[in-house]
Protein backbone atom coordinates (compact mmCIF):
# COMPACT_ATOMS: atom_id res chain seq x y z
CA UNK A 1 131.79 100.29 128.08
CA UNK A 2 131.56 96.62 127.12
CA UNK A 3 131.34 97.05 123.35
CA UNK A 4 130.78 93.36 122.66
CA UNK A 5 127.89 93.02 125.11
CA UNK A 6 126.36 96.30 123.98
CA UNK A 7 126.55 95.39 120.31
CA UNK A 8 125.20 91.91 120.94
CA UNK A 9 122.19 93.12 122.90
CA UNK A 10 121.35 95.92 120.48
CA UNK A 11 121.43 93.44 117.61
CA UNK A 12 119.16 91.05 119.52
CA UNK A 13 116.62 93.77 120.18
CA UNK A 14 116.58 94.64 116.50
CA UNK A 15 115.36 91.12 115.81
CA UNK A 16 112.06 89.80 117.20
CA UNK A 17 111.91 87.58 119.18
CA UNK A 18 115.07 87.67 121.30
CA UNK A 19 114.65 84.10 122.49
CA UNK A 20 112.26 81.21 122.81
CA UNK A 21 109.92 80.54 125.71
CA UNK A 22 111.06 77.55 127.73
CA UNK A 23 109.52 75.87 130.76
CA UNK A 24 108.65 78.60 133.28
CA UNK A 25 110.89 76.97 135.89
CA UNK A 26 113.89 77.50 133.61
CA UNK A 27 113.14 81.20 133.25
CA UNK A 28 112.62 81.54 137.00
CA UNK A 29 115.85 79.70 137.82
CA UNK A 30 117.84 81.82 135.36
CA UNK A 31 116.53 85.08 136.83
CA UNK A 32 117.19 83.91 140.40
CA UNK A 33 120.71 82.89 139.43
CA UNK A 34 121.32 86.32 137.92
CA UNK A 35 120.17 87.92 141.20
CA UNK A 36 122.70 85.69 142.98
CA UNK A 37 125.41 86.98 140.64
CA UNK A 38 124.25 90.55 141.40
CA UNK A 39 124.60 89.84 145.12
CA UNK A 40 127.98 88.15 144.75
CA UNK A 41 129.40 91.13 142.86
CA UNK A 42 129.17 93.08 146.14
CA UNK A 43 131.12 92.42 149.32
CA UNK A 44 128.43 93.56 151.73
CA UNK A 45 125.55 91.09 151.27
CA UNK A 46 123.33 93.52 149.38
CA UNK A 47 122.25 93.19 145.77
CA UNK A 48 123.80 95.38 143.09
CA UNK A 49 121.51 98.11 141.80
CA UNK A 50 121.98 96.96 138.22
CA UNK A 51 124.37 95.79 135.58
CA UNK A 52 124.96 98.58 133.10
CA UNK A 53 126.39 97.94 129.67
CA UNK A 54 128.10 101.32 130.11
CA UNK A 55 129.21 101.33 133.77
CA UNK A 56 129.20 97.63 134.73
CA UNK A 57 128.01 96.51 138.16
CA UNK A 58 126.89 99.25 140.52
CA UNK A 59 126.74 99.37 144.32
CA UNK A 60 124.18 97.60 146.49
CA UNK A 61 120.70 99.09 146.67
CA UNK A 62 118.98 98.95 150.09
CA UNK A 63 115.46 99.62 148.74
CA UNK A 64 115.26 96.76 146.28
CA UNK A 65 117.45 94.40 148.30
CA UNK A 66 114.72 94.78 150.93
CA UNK A 67 111.98 93.40 148.75
CA UNK A 68 114.19 90.79 147.08
CA UNK A 69 114.46 89.09 150.49
CA UNK A 70 110.86 87.72 150.44
CA UNK A 71 111.35 86.53 146.87
CA UNK A 72 114.42 84.51 147.83
CA UNK A 73 112.72 83.07 150.90
CA UNK A 74 109.73 82.00 148.82
CA UNK A 75 112.00 80.44 146.21
CA UNK A 76 113.90 78.62 148.97
CA UNK A 77 110.64 77.21 150.31
CA UNK A 78 109.54 76.00 146.88
CA UNK A 79 112.87 74.48 145.88
CA UNK A 80 113.87 73.25 149.37
CA UNK A 81 117.30 74.85 148.84
CA UNK A 82 118.64 76.40 152.01
CA UNK A 83 121.27 78.42 150.13
CA UNK A 84 118.57 80.93 149.23
CA UNK A 85 117.58 81.29 152.88
CA UNK A 86 121.22 82.01 153.67
CA UNK A 87 121.40 84.58 150.90
CA UNK A 88 118.19 86.27 152.04
CA UNK A 89 119.45 86.51 155.61
CA UNK A 90 122.75 87.99 154.44
CA UNK A 91 120.68 90.67 152.73
CA UNK A 92 118.65 91.27 155.89
CA UNK A 93 121.77 91.44 158.07
CA UNK A 94 123.27 93.99 155.70
CA UNK A 95 120.10 96.07 155.89
CA UNK A 96 120.26 96.13 159.68
CA UNK A 97 123.93 97.13 159.55
CA UNK A 98 123.12 100.29 157.56
CA UNK A 99 119.88 101.32 159.29
CA UNK A 100 119.98 104.88 160.58
CA UNK A 101 119.56 105.54 164.30
CA UNK A 102 116.14 107.12 163.66
CA UNK A 103 114.96 103.91 161.97
CA UNK A 104 115.12 105.14 158.37
CA UNK A 105 117.13 103.78 155.46
CA UNK A 106 118.99 106.03 153.08
CA UNK A 107 117.70 106.54 149.55
CA UNK A 108 119.43 105.35 146.41
CA UNK A 109 122.28 102.87 146.02
CA UNK A 110 124.98 102.73 148.67
CA UNK A 111 127.14 105.82 148.60
CA UNK A 112 124.72 108.00 146.65
CA UNK A 113 124.62 110.62 149.41
CA UNK A 114 120.88 110.63 150.10
CA UNK A 115 119.60 110.64 153.67
CA UNK A 116 116.64 108.65 155.01
CA UNK A 117 113.94 108.16 152.36
CA UNK A 118 110.36 107.14 152.98
CA UNK A 119 109.92 104.84 150.01
CA UNK A 120 113.21 103.01 150.46
CA UNK A 121 112.52 102.54 154.17
CA UNK A 122 109.12 101.04 153.43
CA UNK A 123 110.56 98.50 151.02
CA UNK A 124 113.17 97.32 153.51
CA UNK A 125 110.38 96.58 155.99
CA UNK A 126 109.15 93.80 153.69
CA UNK A 127 112.51 92.07 153.94
CA UNK A 128 112.85 92.45 157.69
CA UNK A 129 109.36 91.06 158.32
CA UNK A 130 110.10 88.12 156.02
CA UNK A 131 113.41 87.46 157.81
CA UNK A 132 111.64 87.54 161.18
CA UNK A 133 109.00 85.09 159.97
CA UNK A 134 111.72 82.77 158.66
CA UNK A 135 113.94 82.82 161.74
CA UNK A 136 111.97 84.17 164.69
CA UNK A 137 114.96 86.39 165.53
CA UNK A 138 113.72 89.54 167.25
CA UNK A 139 116.42 91.78 165.78
CA UNK A 140 114.71 91.66 162.41
CA UNK A 141 111.36 92.58 163.91
CA UNK A 142 112.99 95.31 165.99
CA UNK A 143 114.47 96.80 162.81
CA UNK A 144 111.11 96.69 161.05
CA UNK A 145 109.32 98.32 164.00
CA UNK A 146 111.97 101.01 164.23
CA UNK A 147 111.51 101.74 160.52
CA UNK A 148 107.73 101.72 160.82
CA UNK A 149 107.79 104.10 163.75
CA UNK A 150 109.87 106.58 161.73
CA UNK A 151 107.47 106.35 158.79
CA UNK A 152 104.46 107.16 160.97
CA UNK A 153 106.29 110.06 162.58
CA UNK A 154 107.13 111.77 159.28
CA UNK A 155 103.76 111.13 157.60
CA UNK A 156 101.65 114.16 156.69
CA UNK A 157 98.26 114.53 158.40
CA UNK A 158 96.41 113.84 155.12
CA UNK A 159 98.25 110.54 154.71
CA UNK A 160 100.88 111.57 152.18
CA UNK A 161 104.61 111.82 152.68
CA UNK A 162 106.33 115.02 151.59
CA UNK A 163 109.30 115.37 153.88
CA UNK A 164 111.87 112.66 153.12
CA UNK A 165 109.98 111.83 149.90
CA UNK A 166 111.51 111.79 146.43
CA UNK A 167 111.59 115.37 145.14
CA UNK A 168 109.87 116.45 148.40
CA UNK A 169 106.42 115.86 146.95
CA UNK A 170 103.57 113.35 147.47
CA UNK A 171 103.33 110.35 145.14
CA UNK A 172 100.51 107.85 144.79
CA UNK A 173 103.02 105.05 144.23
CA UNK A 174 103.89 105.40 147.92
CA UNK A 175 100.95 103.08 148.47
CA UNK A 176 103.70 100.49 148.47
CA UNK A 177 104.87 102.09 151.71
CA UNK A 178 101.29 101.89 152.98
CA UNK A 179 101.33 98.17 152.17
CA UNK A 180 104.53 97.73 154.18
CA UNK A 181 102.93 99.46 157.16
CA UNK A 182 99.79 97.36 156.77
CA UNK A 183 101.94 94.21 156.83
CA UNK A 184 103.73 95.50 159.91
CA UNK A 185 100.42 96.25 161.60
CA UNK A 186 99.14 92.74 160.94
CA UNK A 187 102.41 91.15 162.01
CA UNK A 188 102.73 93.10 165.27
CA UNK A 189 99.07 93.74 166.09
CA UNK A 190 99.85 97.45 166.45
CA UNK A 191 96.94 99.43 165.04
CA UNK A 192 98.88 102.67 164.53
CA UNK A 193 100.69 101.14 161.56
CA UNK A 194 97.44 99.98 159.98
CA UNK A 195 95.92 103.42 160.57
CA UNK A 196 98.86 105.10 158.82
CA UNK A 197 98.44 102.68 155.91
CA UNK A 198 94.75 103.53 155.61
CA UNK A 199 95.46 107.26 155.63
CA UNK A 200 97.82 106.95 152.70
CA UNK A 201 95.60 104.55 150.78
CA UNK A 202 92.58 106.81 151.25
CA UNK A 203 94.53 109.76 149.88
CA UNK A 204 95.68 107.70 146.89
CA UNK A 205 92.10 106.63 146.14
CA UNK A 206 91.15 110.32 146.06
CA UNK A 207 93.64 110.76 143.22
CA UNK A 208 91.93 108.20 140.94
CA UNK A 209 89.97 109.39 137.92
CA UNK A 210 86.81 107.69 136.60
CA UNK A 211 88.80 105.70 134.00
CA UNK A 212 91.10 104.24 136.64
CA UNK A 213 93.92 106.71 136.08
CA UNK A 214 95.87 108.00 139.10
CA UNK A 215 97.25 111.50 139.41
CA UNK A 216 100.65 112.00 141.07
CA UNK A 217 101.93 108.57 140.02
CA UNK A 218 105.22 109.76 138.52
CA UNK A 219 108.68 110.33 139.91
CA UNK A 220 108.53 114.06 139.14
CA UNK A 221 105.88 116.74 138.66
CA UNK A 222 106.58 116.65 134.93
CA UNK A 223 106.26 112.87 134.71
CA UNK A 224 102.92 112.87 136.56
CA UNK A 225 101.29 113.53 133.17
CA UNK A 226 102.67 110.29 131.67
CA UNK A 227 104.45 108.16 134.29
CA UNK A 228 106.33 104.94 133.68
CA UNK A 229 104.32 101.75 133.97
CA UNK A 230 106.69 100.89 136.82
CA UNK A 231 105.25 103.55 139.13
CA UNK A 232 101.70 103.08 137.87
CA UNK A 233 102.07 99.44 138.87
CA UNK A 234 103.58 100.36 142.24
CA UNK A 235 100.44 102.41 142.91
CA UNK A 236 98.11 99.56 142.00
CA UNK A 237 100.08 96.87 143.80
CA UNK A 238 100.29 98.94 146.97
CA UNK A 239 96.54 99.55 147.04
CA UNK A 240 95.72 95.95 146.17
CA UNK A 241 97.88 94.43 148.87
CA UNK A 242 96.93 97.04 151.46
CA UNK A 243 93.33 96.16 150.72
CA UNK A 244 94.09 92.48 151.16
CA UNK A 245 95.98 93.01 154.43
CA UNK A 246 93.33 95.24 155.96
CA UNK A 247 90.28 93.49 154.46
CA UNK A 248 89.33 96.62 152.50
CA UNK A 249 87.37 95.41 149.48
CA UNK A 250 86.95 99.02 148.33
CA UNK A 251 90.71 99.33 147.74
CA UNK A 252 90.67 96.14 145.69
CA UNK A 253 87.76 97.39 143.59
CA UNK A 254 89.65 100.62 142.91
CA UNK A 255 92.53 98.56 141.52
CA UNK A 256 90.16 96.49 139.39
CA UNK A 257 88.84 99.70 137.81
CA UNK A 258 92.37 100.58 136.74
CA UNK A 259 93.12 97.03 135.61
CA UNK A 260 90.04 96.96 133.38
CA UNK A 261 91.30 100.03 131.54
CA UNK A 262 94.87 98.77 131.47
CA UNK A 263 94.18 95.40 129.84
CA UNK A 264 92.67 97.18 126.86
CA UNK A 265 96.02 98.83 126.12
CA UNK A 266 98.08 95.63 125.96
CA UNK A 267 98.77 94.16 122.53
CA UNK A 268 98.09 90.54 121.69
CA UNK A 269 101.82 89.80 121.78
CA UNK A 270 102.14 91.22 125.31
CA UNK A 271 103.74 94.52 124.36
CA UNK A 272 102.85 97.35 126.73
CA UNK A 273 104.01 100.93 126.23
CA UNK A 274 106.50 102.22 128.79
CA UNK A 275 104.39 105.23 129.81
CA UNK A 276 100.69 106.14 129.80
CA UNK A 277 98.85 109.43 130.10
CA UNK A 278 95.55 110.12 131.84
CA UNK A 279 93.62 108.78 128.83
CA UNK A 280 95.64 105.53 128.85
CA UNK A 281 97.36 106.66 125.65
CA UNK A 282 101.08 106.64 124.99
CA UNK A 283 103.64 108.00 122.58
CA UNK A 284 106.44 105.95 124.17
CA UNK A 285 108.29 103.76 121.67
CA UNK A 286 109.58 101.32 124.27
CA UNK A 287 108.29 98.90 126.87
CA UNK A 288 109.27 99.27 130.53
CA UNK A 289 109.86 95.57 131.24
CA UNK A 290 109.68 96.05 135.00
CA UNK A 291 106.19 97.49 134.54
CA UNK A 292 105.23 94.53 132.37
CA UNK A 293 106.24 92.10 135.11
CA UNK A 294 104.45 94.11 137.79
CA UNK A 295 101.26 94.37 135.71
CA UNK A 296 101.32 90.62 135.15
CA UNK A 297 101.72 90.04 138.89
CA UNK A 298 98.84 92.39 139.71
CA UNK A 299 96.54 90.75 137.16
CA UNK A 300 97.39 87.31 138.51
CA UNK A 301 96.54 88.47 142.03
CA UNK A 302 93.26 89.92 140.77
CA UNK A 303 92.47 86.65 139.01
CA UNK A 304 93.10 84.75 142.25
CA UNK A 305 90.72 87.12 144.04
CA UNK A 306 87.99 87.53 141.41
CA UNK A 307 88.29 84.54 139.09
CA UNK A 308 88.02 86.81 136.02
CA UNK A 309 89.75 84.88 133.24
CA UNK A 310 90.73 87.94 131.21
CA UNK A 311 93.11 88.91 134.02
CA UNK A 312 94.79 85.51 133.85
CA UNK A 313 95.07 85.42 130.07
CA UNK A 314 96.46 88.96 129.87
CA UNK A 315 98.99 88.17 132.59
CA UNK A 316 100.15 85.06 130.74
CA UNK A 317 100.56 87.13 127.58
CA UNK A 318 102.65 89.72 129.43
CA UNK A 319 104.84 87.02 130.95
CA UNK A 320 105.34 85.31 127.61
CA UNK A 321 106.54 88.62 126.17
CA UNK A 322 109.01 88.93 129.05
CA UNK A 323 110.27 85.37 128.68
CA UNK A 324 111.02 86.05 125.03
CA UNK A 325 113.17 89.03 126.08
CA UNK A 326 115.20 87.05 128.62
CA UNK A 327 118.42 85.39 127.45
CA UNK A 328 119.02 81.94 128.93
CA UNK A 329 122.59 81.87 127.68
CA UNK A 330 125.49 84.27 127.32
CA UNK A 331 127.79 85.85 129.93
CA UNK A 332 126.79 85.81 133.63
CA UNK A 333 126.41 89.59 133.65
CA UNK A 334 123.29 89.32 131.49
CA UNK A 335 122.25 85.65 131.46
CA UNK A 336 118.82 85.41 133.08
CA UNK A 337 118.51 89.18 133.58
CA UNK A 338 115.63 91.39 132.48
CA UNK A 339 116.55 94.68 130.83
CA UNK A 340 115.07 97.97 131.92
CA UNK A 341 113.51 98.62 128.52
CA UNK A 342 112.68 96.84 125.32
CA UNK A 343 114.43 97.71 123.15
CA UNK A 344 117.29 98.05 125.57
CA UNK A 345 118.01 101.63 124.49
CA UNK A 346 114.49 102.66 125.54
CA UNK A 347 113.74 105.40 128.03
CA UNK A 348 113.61 103.38 131.28
CA UNK A 349 116.93 102.21 132.80
CA UNK A 350 118.56 102.61 129.38
CA UNK A 351 121.21 100.01 128.47
CA UNK A 352 120.96 98.38 131.88
CA UNK A 353 119.56 95.38 133.77
CA UNK A 354 118.05 96.57 137.09
CA UNK A 355 117.73 94.03 139.88
CA UNK A 356 114.07 94.86 140.50
CA UNK A 357 113.10 93.87 136.96
CA UNK A 358 114.36 90.34 137.64
CA UNK A 359 112.69 90.32 141.08
CA UNK A 360 109.22 91.15 139.75
CA UNK A 361 109.71 88.76 136.83
CA UNK A 362 110.40 85.93 139.28
CA UNK A 363 107.44 86.89 141.48
CA UNK A 364 105.08 86.94 138.52
CA UNK A 365 106.22 83.62 137.05
CA UNK A 366 106.09 81.93 140.45
CA UNK A 367 102.50 83.05 140.93
CA UNK A 368 101.54 82.02 137.39
CA UNK A 369 103.05 78.58 137.97
CA UNK A 370 101.16 78.25 141.26
CA UNK A 371 97.85 79.24 139.67
CA UNK A 372 98.27 76.93 136.68
CA UNK A 373 99.18 74.01 138.95
CA UNK A 374 95.94 74.48 140.88
CA UNK A 375 93.68 74.61 137.82
């Protein structure tokens, strides 16, 4: 355990705010740099699962490395810095090197012992498609197609995934796998991938309640009653982007129904409880910062689609809250990172900085900057 880092962060989270909000570009650059540090702490090209104040850096995580690739390629395009293209392609090459012969990717961080997992495989597809678009190299597309073929083969007839799913049960947040298949269908022109995406999205829509709540959105059967905002957001993002890919306005409207309920729960300072039950109530005494970033990103996308200003203003409030929890100084292990929870000892990714929190933070701030520049 790093006692100094742990004590310092706990003390910071006992005092509000942690930091000041700077120019968005500074926050973006700091988070990207931390992701670079997380990649450099591994020898394989992947990105470390997280930095834990208890265990230090942990092994590379195929799932999230997969969807960090498009973030780095977008950042490279905006900044005209080829080093981020090189980093993204190192990630993609590593993914191909560990792909199973059946096309799947193993679950969990490297060495965790899990076999091929549906969700993890879907997230890697995003990175392989992005690498193919950036380079035109067929090996990346071949890897994505191989993964997509496996996903369609193991899908249940009703559109869910049970076999090779986390806890061997269907989850609505697997709409993010549907989105990956929708992207693959558009990119390749193969309708079977789009059809598989629609099957899953249709099932997920059937799980929505009248107030926008989704059943089966948790990691476990127990957590379905009050899932983390992280998986609630996965559900919404997957449906939203599947709807965009496949020109399904009905999917987008389903997400808007949830968003309209969600924005009512967010405090004026941008605080959002880490879990919500089916009545959009919570007894959680922490914020899941990954969920905050994802919600902001979803609301920004909905603003771009609908023009509803409350989505934009709520997203800006969420991002401001996140910026105030990001340290722009300190040791490289934590400088620019986003913690799992606020306070850091909260119930999600306790005492750790997961790589996906920084990824979604970057995505959200990049989109906010783009929208504000166009206004």
